C-alpha atoms as a PDB file:
ATOM      1  CA  MET A   1       0.016   0.006   0.076  1.00  0.00           C
ATOM      2  CA  THR A   2       1.249   3.489  -1.142  1.00  0.00           C
ATOM      3  CA  LEU A   3       1.589   6.442   1.151  1.00  0.00           C
ATOM      4  CA  HIS A   4      -0.749   8.391  -1.264  1.00  0.00           C
ATOM      5  CA  THR A   5      -3.369   5.536  -0.590  1.00  0.00           C
ATOM      6  CA  VAL A   6      -2.658   5.638   3.148  1.00  0.00           C
ATOM      7  CA  ILE A   7      -3.529   9.435   3.219  1.00  0.00           C
ATOM      8  CA  LEU A   8      -6.575   8.860   1.346  1.00  0.00           C
ATOM      9  CA  TYR A   9      -8.011   6.098   3.748  1.00  0.00           C
ATOM     10  CA  GLY A  10      -6.962   8.398   6.633  1.00  0.00           C
ATOM     11  CA  CYS A  11      -8.881  11.473   5.175  1.00  0.00           C
ATOM     12  CA  ALA A  12     -11.771   9.206   4.532  1.00  0.00           C
ATOM     13  CA  ALA A  13     -11.859   8.326   7.954  1.00  0.00           C
ATOM     14  CA  ALA A  14     -11.441  11.688   9.118  1.00  0.00           C
ATOM     15  CA  VAL A  15     -14.587  12.538   7.154  1.00  0.00           C
ATOM     16  CA  VAL A  16     -16.646   9.475   7.824  1.00  0.00           C
ATOM     17  CA  LEU A  17     -16.180   8.904  11.460  1.00  0.00           C
ATOM     18  CA  PRO A  18     -17.243  12.421  12.481  1.00  0.00           C
ATOM     19  CA  GLY A  19     -19.887  12.331  10.100  1.00  0.00           C
ATOM     20  CA  VAL A  20     -21.188   9.202  11.933  1.00  0.00           C
ATOM     21  CA  ARG A  21     -21.048  11.207  15.346  1.00  0.00           C
ATOM     22  CA  ILE A  22     -23.173  13.903  13.565  1.00  0.00           C
ATOM     23  CA  VAL A  23     -25.880  11.456  12.715  1.00  0.00           C
ATOM     24  CA  GLN A  24     -25.615  10.021  16.211  1.00  0.00           C
ATOM     25  CA  ALA A  25     -26.203  13.296  17.523  1.00  0.00           C
ATOM     26  CA  GLU A  26     -29.987  13.039  16.309  1.00  0.00           C
ATOM     27  CA  ALA A  27     -30.219  10.274  18.850  1.00  0.00           C
ATOM     28  CA  ASP A  28     -28.527  12.235  21.549  1.00  0.00           C
ATOM     29  CA  GLY A  29     -25.379  10.609  20.961  1.00  0.00           C
ATOM     30  CA  ARG A  30     -26.758   7.211  22.043  1.00  0.00           C
ATOM     31  CA  ARG A  31     -25.552   3.902  20.291  1.00  0.00           C
ATOM     32  CA  VAL A  32     -28.953   2.372  18.989  1.00  0.00           C
ATOM     33  CA  SER A  33     -29.640  -0.137  16.469  1.00  0.00           C
ATOM     34  CA  PRO A  34     -29.858   0.956  12.747  1.00  0.00           C
ATOM     35  CA  ALA A  35     -33.488   0.484  12.656  1.00  0.00           C
ATOM     36  CA  ALA A  36     -34.031   2.679  15.712  1.00  0.00           C
ATOM     37  CA  LEU A  37     -31.594   5.380  14.251  1.00  0.00           C
ATOM     38  CA  LEU A  38     -33.490   5.381  11.225  1.00  0.00           C
ATOM     39  CA  ARG A  39     -36.735   5.818  12.943  1.00  0.00           C
ATOM     40  CA  VAL A  40     -35.191   8.942  14.838  1.00  0.00           C
ATOM     41  CA  LEU A  41     -33.698  10.498  11.430  1.00  0.00           C
ATOM     42  CA  TRP A  42     -37.021   9.965   9.585  1.00  0.00           C
ATOM     43  CA  ARG A  43     -39.574  11.087  12.539  1.00  0.00           C
ATOM     44  CA  ARG A  44     -42.401  13.277  11.912  1.00  0.00           C
ATOM     45  CA  PRO A  45     -42.479  15.750  10.647  1.00  0.00           C
ATOM     46  CA  VAL A  46     -41.006  13.841   7.857  1.00  0.00           C
ATOM     47  CA  PRO A  47     -38.259  15.851   6.042  1.00  0.00           C
ATOM     48  CA  TRP A  48     -40.001  15.704   2.711  1.00  0.00           C
ATOM     49  CA  THR A  49     -37.107  17.676   0.797  1.00  0.00           C
ATOM     50  CA  ALA A  50     -34.622  14.984   2.049  1.00  0.00           C
ATOM     51  CA  ALA A  51     -37.171  12.219   1.159  1.00  0.00           C
ATOM     52  CA  ALA A  52     -37.629  13.577  -2.207  1.00  0.00           C
ATOM     53  CA  MET A  53     -33.748  13.565  -3.150  1.00  0.00           C
ATOM     54  CA  VAL A  54     -33.582   9.908  -1.761  1.00  0.00           C
ATOM     55  CA  ALA A  55     -36.362   9.042  -3.974  1.00  0.00           C
ATOM     56  CA  VAL A  56     -34.714  10.633  -7.301  1.00  0.00           C
ATOM     57  CA  MET A  57     -31.335   8.710  -6.296  1.00  0.00           C
ATOM     58  CA  THR A  58     -33.134   5.432  -5.857  1.00  0.00           C
ATOM     59  CA  ALA A  59     -34.996   6.024  -9.252  1.00  0.00           C
ATOM     60  CA  MET A  60     -31.896   6.651 -10.825  1.00  0.00           C
ATOM     61  CA  ALA A  61     -30.306   3.811  -9.400  1.00  0.00           C
ATOM     62  CA  VAL A  62     -32.747   1.442 -11.003  1.00  0.00           C
ATOM     63  CA  VAL A  63     -32.428   3.292 -14.082  1.00  0.00           C
ATOM     64  CA  GLN A  64     -28.873   2.709 -14.389  1.00  0.00           C
ATOM     65  CA  THR A  65     -29.125  -0.872 -13.459  1.00  0.00           C
ATOM     66  CA  ALA A  66     -31.980  -1.420 -16.061  1.00  0.00           C
ATOM     67  CA  ALA A  67     -30.333   0.374 -18.709  1.00  0.00           C
ATOM     68  CA  PRO A  68     -26.433   0.942 -18.149  1.00  0.00           C
ATOM     69  CA  SER A  69     -26.084   2.837 -21.216  1.00  0.00           C
ATOM     70  CA  VAL A  70     -27.856   5.777 -19.299  1.00  0.00           C
ATOM     71  CA  VAL A  71     -24.527   6.330 -17.473  1.00  0.00           C
ATOM     72  CA  ASP A  72     -22.644   7.144 -20.625  1.00  0.00           C
ATOM     73  CA  HIS A  73     -25.030   9.878 -21.471  1.00  0.00           C
ATOM     74  CA  LEU A  74     -24.937  11.490 -18.075  1.00  0.00           C
ATOM     75  CA  GLN A  75     -21.364  11.032 -16.533  1.00  0.00           C
ATOM     76  CA  ARG A  76     -18.585  13.507 -16.840  1.00  0.00           C
ATOM     77  CA  GLU A  77     -15.982  12.839 -19.475  1.00  0.00           C
ATOM     78  CA  PRO A  78     -13.440  14.634 -21.631  1.00  0.00           C
ATOM     79  CA  GLY A  79     -14.863  16.955 -23.959  1.00  0.00           C
ATOM     80  CA  ALA A  80     -18.457  16.792 -22.557  1.00  0.00           C
ATOM     81  CA  PRO A  81     -20.881  19.506 -22.263  1.00  0.00           C
ATOM     82  CA  TRP A  82     -20.735  21.722 -18.900  1.00  0.00           C
ATOM     83  CA  TRP A  83     -24.179  20.357 -17.880  1.00  0.00           C
ATOM     84  CA  ARG A  84     -22.379  16.876 -17.358  1.00  0.00           C
ATOM     85  CA  ALA A  85     -21.322  18.458 -13.919  1.00  0.00           C
ATOM     86  CA  VAL A  86     -25.073  18.377 -13.044  1.00  0.00           C
ATOM     87  CA  THR A  87     -25.946  15.193 -14.511  1.00  0.00           C
ATOM     88  CA  ALA A  88     -22.557  13.111 -13.049  1.00  0.00           C
ATOM     89  CA  LEU A  89     -24.373  13.593  -9.634  1.00  0.00           C
ATOM     90  CA  LEU A  90     -27.247  11.324 -10.753  1.00  0.00           C
ATOM     91  CA  VAL A  91     -25.165   8.225 -11.655  1.00  0.00           C
ATOM     92  CA  GLN A  92     -22.833   6.005  -9.743  1.00  0.00           C
ATOM     93  CA  THR A  93     -19.926   4.790 -12.222  1.00  0.00           C
ATOM     94  CA  SER A  94     -18.026   2.510  -9.995  1.00  0.00           C
ATOM     95  CA  GLY A  95     -20.815  -0.175  -9.714  1.00  0.00           C
ATOM     96  CA  TRP A  96     -22.970  -1.755  -6.960  1.00  0.00           C
ATOM     97  CA  VAL A  97     -20.462  -0.817  -3.892  1.00  0.00           C
ATOM     98  CA  GLN A  98     -20.563   3.017  -4.863  1.00  0.00           C
ATOM     99  CA  LEU A  99     -24.304   2.837  -5.314  1.00  0.00           C
ATOM    100  CA  ALA A 100     -25.204   1.295  -2.093  1.00  0.00           C
ATOM    101  CA  PHE A 101     -22.729   3.162  -0.134  1.00  0.00           C
ATOM    102  CA  ASN A 102     -23.777   6.552  -1.490  1.00  0.00           C
ATOM    103  CA  LEU A 103     -27.355   5.893  -1.219  1.00  0.00           C
ATOM    104  CA  ALA A 104     -26.930   4.715   2.447  1.00  0.00           C
ATOM    105  CA  ALA A 105     -25.123   7.914   3.189  1.00  0.00           C
ATOM    106  CA  LEU A 106     -27.726  10.258   1.539  1.00  0.00           C
ATOM    107  CA  ILE A 107     -30.403   8.436   3.589  1.00  0.00           C
ATOM    108  CA  ALA A 108     -28.564   8.982   6.872  1.00  0.00           C
ATOM    109  CA  ILE A 109     -27.191  12.467   6.150  1.00  0.00           C
ATOM    110  CA  ALA A 110     -30.047  14.104   4.095  1.00  0.00           C
ATOM    111  CA  PRO A 111     -32.464  14.412   7.044  1.00  0.00           C
ATOM    112  CA  VAL A 112     -30.174  15.739   9.320  1.00  0.00           C
ATOM    113  CA  ALA A 113     -28.996  18.253   7.117  1.00  0.00           C
ATOM    114  CA  GLN A 114     -32.714  19.236   6.299  1.00  0.00           C
ATOM    115  CA  ARG A 115     -33.421  20.081  10.007  1.00  0.00           C
ATOM    116  CA  VAL A 116     -30.055  21.932  10.382  1.00  0.00           C
ATOM    117  CA  LEU A 117     -29.898  23.983   7.024  1.00  0.00           C
ATOM    118  CA  GLY A 118     -33.725  23.847   6.096  1.00  0.00           C
ATOM    119  CA  PRO A 119     -35.641  22.408   3.353  1.00  0.00           C
ATOM    120  CA  VAL A 120     -34.553  24.838   0.681  1.00  0.00           C
ATOM    121  CA  ARG A 121     -30.814  25.521   1.635  1.00  0.00           C
ATOM    122  CA  MET A 122     -30.104  21.645   2.222  1.00  0.00           C
ATOM    123  CA  PRO A 123     -30.464  20.842  -1.429  1.00  0.00           C
ATOM    124  CA  LEU A 124     -28.901  24.024  -2.516  1.00  0.00           C
ATOM    125  CA  VAL A 125     -25.624  23.284  -0.344  1.00  0.00           C
ATOM    126  CA  PHE A 126     -25.871  19.708  -1.821  1.00  0.00           C
ATOM    127  CA  LEU A 127     -26.092  20.766  -5.408  1.00  0.00           C
ATOM    128  CA  ALA A 128     -23.537  23.741  -5.140  1.00  0.00           C
ATOM    129  CA  SER A 129     -20.893  21.597  -3.567  1.00  0.00           C
ATOM    130  CA  GLY A 130     -21.359  18.552  -5.889  1.00  0.00           C
ATOM    131  CA  VAL A 131     -21.352  20.675  -9.001  1.00  0.00           C
ATOM    132  CA  ALA A 132     -18.231  22.400  -7.793  1.00  0.00           C
ATOM    133  CA  ALA A 133     -16.620  19.096  -7.360  1.00  0.00           C
ATOM    134  CA  GLN A 134     -17.853  17.610 -10.792  1.00  0.00           C
ATOM    135  CA  ALA A 135     -16.658  20.818 -12.166  1.00  0.00           C
ATOM    136  CA  VAL A 136     -12.906  20.709 -10.933  1.00  0.00           C
ATOM    137  CA  SER A 137     -12.857  17.077 -11.991  1.00  0.00           C
ATOM    138  CA  MET A 138     -14.143  17.810 -15.523  1.00  0.00           C
ATOM    139  CA  ALA A 139     -11.251  20.411 -15.691  1.00  0.00           C
ATOM    140  CA  GLY A 140      -8.698  17.752 -15.262  1.00  0.00           C
ATOM    141  CA  TRP A 141      -8.784  16.060 -11.823  1.00  0.00           C
ATOM    142  CA  SER A 142     -10.821  13.055 -12.895  1.00  0.00           C
ATOM    143  CA  PRO A 143     -12.281  13.831 -16.180  1.00  0.00           C
ATOM    144  CA  THR A 144     -14.401  10.512 -16.295  1.00  0.00           C
ATOM    145  CA  GLY A 145     -16.743   9.412 -13.778  1.00  0.00           C
ATOM    146  CA  GLY A 146     -19.940  10.224 -11.743  1.00  0.00           C
ATOM    147  CA  GLY A 147     -21.526   9.928  -8.247  1.00  0.00           C
ATOM    148  CA  ASP A 148     -23.032  11.953  -5.599  1.00  0.00           C
ATOM    149  CA  SER A 149     -20.756  11.271  -2.748  1.00  0.00           C
ATOM    150  CA  VAL A 150     -18.892  14.516  -3.394  1.00  0.00           C
ATOM    151  CA  ALA A 151     -22.481  16.290  -2.522  1.00  0.00           C
ATOM    152  CA  VAL A 152     -22.910  14.239   0.396  1.00  0.00           C
ATOM    153  CA  CYS A 153     -19.336  15.245   1.552  1.00  0.00           C
ATOM    154  CA  GLY A 154     -20.718  18.978   0.965  1.00  0.00           C
ATOM    155  CA  LEU A 155     -23.465  18.206   3.438  1.00  0.00           C
ATOM    156  CA  ILE A 156     -21.369  16.871   6.152  1.00  0.00           C
ATOM    157  CA  GLY A 157     -18.969  19.867   5.744  1.00  0.00           C
ATOM    158  CA  ALA A 158     -21.893  22.121   6.489  1.00  0.00           C
ATOM    159  CA  LEU A 159     -23.230  20.039   9.148  1.00  0.00           C
ATOM    160  CA  SER A 160     -19.762  20.182  10.896  1.00  0.00           C
ATOM    161  CA  ILE A 161     -20.152  24.026  11.466  1.00  0.00           C
ATOM    162  CA  SER A 162     -23.406  23.575  13.572  1.00  0.00           C
ATOM    163  CA  HIS A 163     -21.804  20.705  15.816  1.00  0.00           C
ATOM    164  CA  ALA A 164     -18.465  22.385  16.226  1.00  0.00           C
ATOM    165  CA  ARG A 165     -20.023  25.462  17.643  1.00  0.00           C
ATOM    166  CA  HIS A 166     -21.215  23.487  20.634  1.00  0.00           C
ATOM    167  CA  PRO A 167     -19.248  22.945  23.843  1.00  0.00           C
ATOM    168  CA  GLY A 168     -18.697  19.627  25.155  1.00  0.00           C
ATOM    169  CA  PRO A 169     -16.554  16.527  24.075  1.00  0.00           C
ATOM    170  CA  GLY A 170     -15.990  15.761  20.465  1.00  0.00           C
ATOM    171  CA  PRO A 171     -16.632  19.026  18.741  1.00  0.00           C
ATOM    172  CA  THR A 172     -13.032  19.853  18.152  1.00  0.00           C
ATOM    173  CA  ARG A 173     -12.715  16.746  16.368  1.00  0.00           C
ATOM    174  CA  LEU A 174     -15.251  17.794  13.852  1.00  0.00           C
ATOM    175  CA  LEU A 175     -12.687  20.256  12.376  1.00  0.00           C
ATOM    176  CA  LEU A 176     -10.806  17.281  11.148  1.00  0.00           C
ATOM    177  CA  ILE A 177     -13.710  17.281   8.260  1.00  0.00           C
ATOM    178  CA  PRO A 178     -12.396  20.666   6.587  1.00  0.00           C
ATOM    179  CA  ALA A 179      -8.788  19.593   7.281  1.00  0.00           C
ATOM    180  CA  ALA A 180      -9.231  16.379   5.467  1.00  0.00           C
ATOM    181  CA  GLY A 181     -11.088  18.309   2.719  1.00  0.00           C
ATOM    182  CA  LEU A 182      -8.015  20.762   2.309  1.00  0.00           C
ATOM    183  CA  VAL A 183      -5.584  17.544   2.337  1.00  0.00           C
ATOM    184  CA  LEU A 184      -7.898  15.779  -0.346  1.00  0.00           C
ATOM    185  CA  CYS A 185      -7.727  19.078  -2.568  1.00  0.00           C
ATOM    186  CA  VAL A 186      -3.793  18.974  -2.272  1.00  0.00           C
ATOM    187  CA  LEU A 187      -4.307  15.367  -3.515  1.00  0.00           C
ATOM    188  CA  GLY A 188      -6.365  16.202  -6.512  1.00  0.00           C
ATOM    189  CA  ASN A 189      -9.199  14.199  -5.085  1.00  0.00           C
ATOM    190  CA  ASN A 190     -12.633  15.850  -5.996  1.00  0.00           C
ATOM    191  CA  HIS A 191     -14.175  14.779  -2.478  1.00  0.00           C
ATOM    192  CA  GLY A 192     -11.946  17.315  -0.935  1.00  0.00           C
ATOM    193  CA  VAL A 193     -13.708  20.157  -3.167  1.00  0.00           C
ATOM    194  CA  GLY A 194     -17.164  18.897  -1.866  1.00  0.00           C
ATOM    195  CA  VAL A 195     -16.248  18.812   1.620  1.00  0.00           C
ATOM    196  CA  LEU A 196     -14.817  22.403   1.535  1.00  0.00           C
ATOM    197  CA  ALA A 197     -17.400  23.945  -0.471  1.00  0.00           C
ATOM    198  CA  GLY A 198     -20.189  22.591   2.036  1.00  0.00           C
ATOM    199  CA  PHE A 199     -18.097  23.849   4.826  1.00  0.00           C
ATOM    200  CA  VAL A 200     -17.711  27.310   3.431  1.00  0.00           C
ATOM    201  CA  LEU A 201     -21.620  27.390   2.547  1.00  0.00           C
ATOM    202  CA  GLY A 202     -22.300  26.109   6.086  1.00  0.00           C
ATOM    203  CA  ALA A 203     -19.969  29.000   7.559  1.00  0.00           C
ATOM    204  CA  VAL A 204     -21.801  31.599   5.611  1.00  0.00           C
ATOM    205  CA  LEU A 205     -25.092  30.427   6.395  1.00  0.00           C
ATOM    206  CA  ALA A 206     -24.091  30.232  10.242  1.00  0.00           C
ATOM    207  CA  ALA A 207     -22.306  33.719  10.110  1.00  0.00           C
ATOM    208  CA  CYS A 208     -25.434  35.501   8.186  1.00  0.00           C
ATOM    209  CA  GLY A 209     -27.925  33.892  10.788  1.00  0.00           C
ATOM    210  CA  ARG A 210     -30.227  33.302   7.887  1.00  0.00           C
ATOM    211  CA  PRO A 211     -33.601  32.019   8.665  1.00  0.00           C
ATOM    212  CA  GLY A 212     -33.626  28.254   7.914  1.00  0.00           C
ATOM    213  CA  TYR A 213     -29.901  27.731   9.475  1.00  0.00           C
ATOM    214  CA  ARG A 214     -30.968  25.662  12.909  1.00  0.00           C
ATOM    215  CA  PRO A 215     -27.966  24.728  14.797  1.00  0.00           C
ATOM    216  CA  LEU A 216     -28.523  21.100  16.783  1.00  0.00           C
ATOM    217  CA  PRO A 217     -28.866  21.808  20.689  1.00  0.00           C
ATOM    218  CA  PRO A 218     -26.025  20.182  22.500  1.00  0.00           C
ATOM    219  CA  PRO A 219     -26.547  16.378  23.298  1.00  0.00           C
ATOM    220  CA  LYS A 220     -28.779  15.866  26.170  1.00  0.00           C
ATOM    221  CA  THR A 221     -27.268  14.059  29.298  1.00  0.00           C
ATOM    222  CA  SER A 222     -30.115  11.377  29.547  1.00  0.00           C
ATOM    223  CA  VAL A 223     -29.597   7.756  28.568  1.00  0.00           C
ATOM    224  CA  ASP A 224     -32.759   6.644  28.646  1.00  0.00           C
ATOM    225  CA  ALA A 225     -32.797   4.595  25.373  1.00  0.00           C
ATOM    226  CA  ASN A 226     -36.468   4.672  25.363  1.00  0.00           C
ATOM    227  CA  ALA A 227     -37.217   8.328  25.523  1.00  0.00           C
ATOM    228  CA  PRO A 228     -38.520   9.659  22.359  1.00  0.00           C
ATOM    229  CA  VAL A 229     -36.476  12.578  20.758  1.00  0.00           C
ATOM    230  CA  GLN A 230     -38.039  15.914  20.329  1.00  0.00           C
ATOM    231  CA  ARG A 231     -36.464  18.735  18.399  1.00  0.00           C
ATOM    232  CA  PRO A 232     -37.821  21.723  16.684  1.00  0.00           C
ATOM    233  CA  THR A 233     -37.933  21.128  12.975  1.00  0.00           C
END
């Protein structure tokens, strides 16, 4: 294993592990079963914007599985028109592993992001960070490919701002997310662009205090696993 690969895996861990903590914060940091966590993430009122995004990506997964040639018409590739920077988010070009991982990540992150950023700004952060990463890739970093993981990384970058602002154990480690994004950019990996774009957008929303930006409250001290989680939406 080369040093480059080791650094890539380290950066991935620096983004994914704090991202898991962000998701677990919706259950007050308690370790619960995946089914219980999903019930918390998708509790009522249902985050319909997040649900629509998951539905679109699920439909596209079915489409590209049934008609693989669709990928060739939507992915980024050398000499492709500019709009491929958008459509490349809709297809997963690395097979079932990428498809399953990215869809699972979106299911976990999107409802949290909607409750923090709001139903309008959340998809805008997703789109802006994803398109930025795809555009940089088309410019030469990785001319061929596709996937929405770069946009999901953007949501994680934006969410790290909300959680890092709260006192208590763990928030400082969330700053590893933008740090990893910077290292990934140095390595020419497009996920770094997604992370940093989302981080900057989250910082702007936090600084402006615009309606729709809802920082999550600090984790509760209760350890009652059966207690319902109630937060303003």
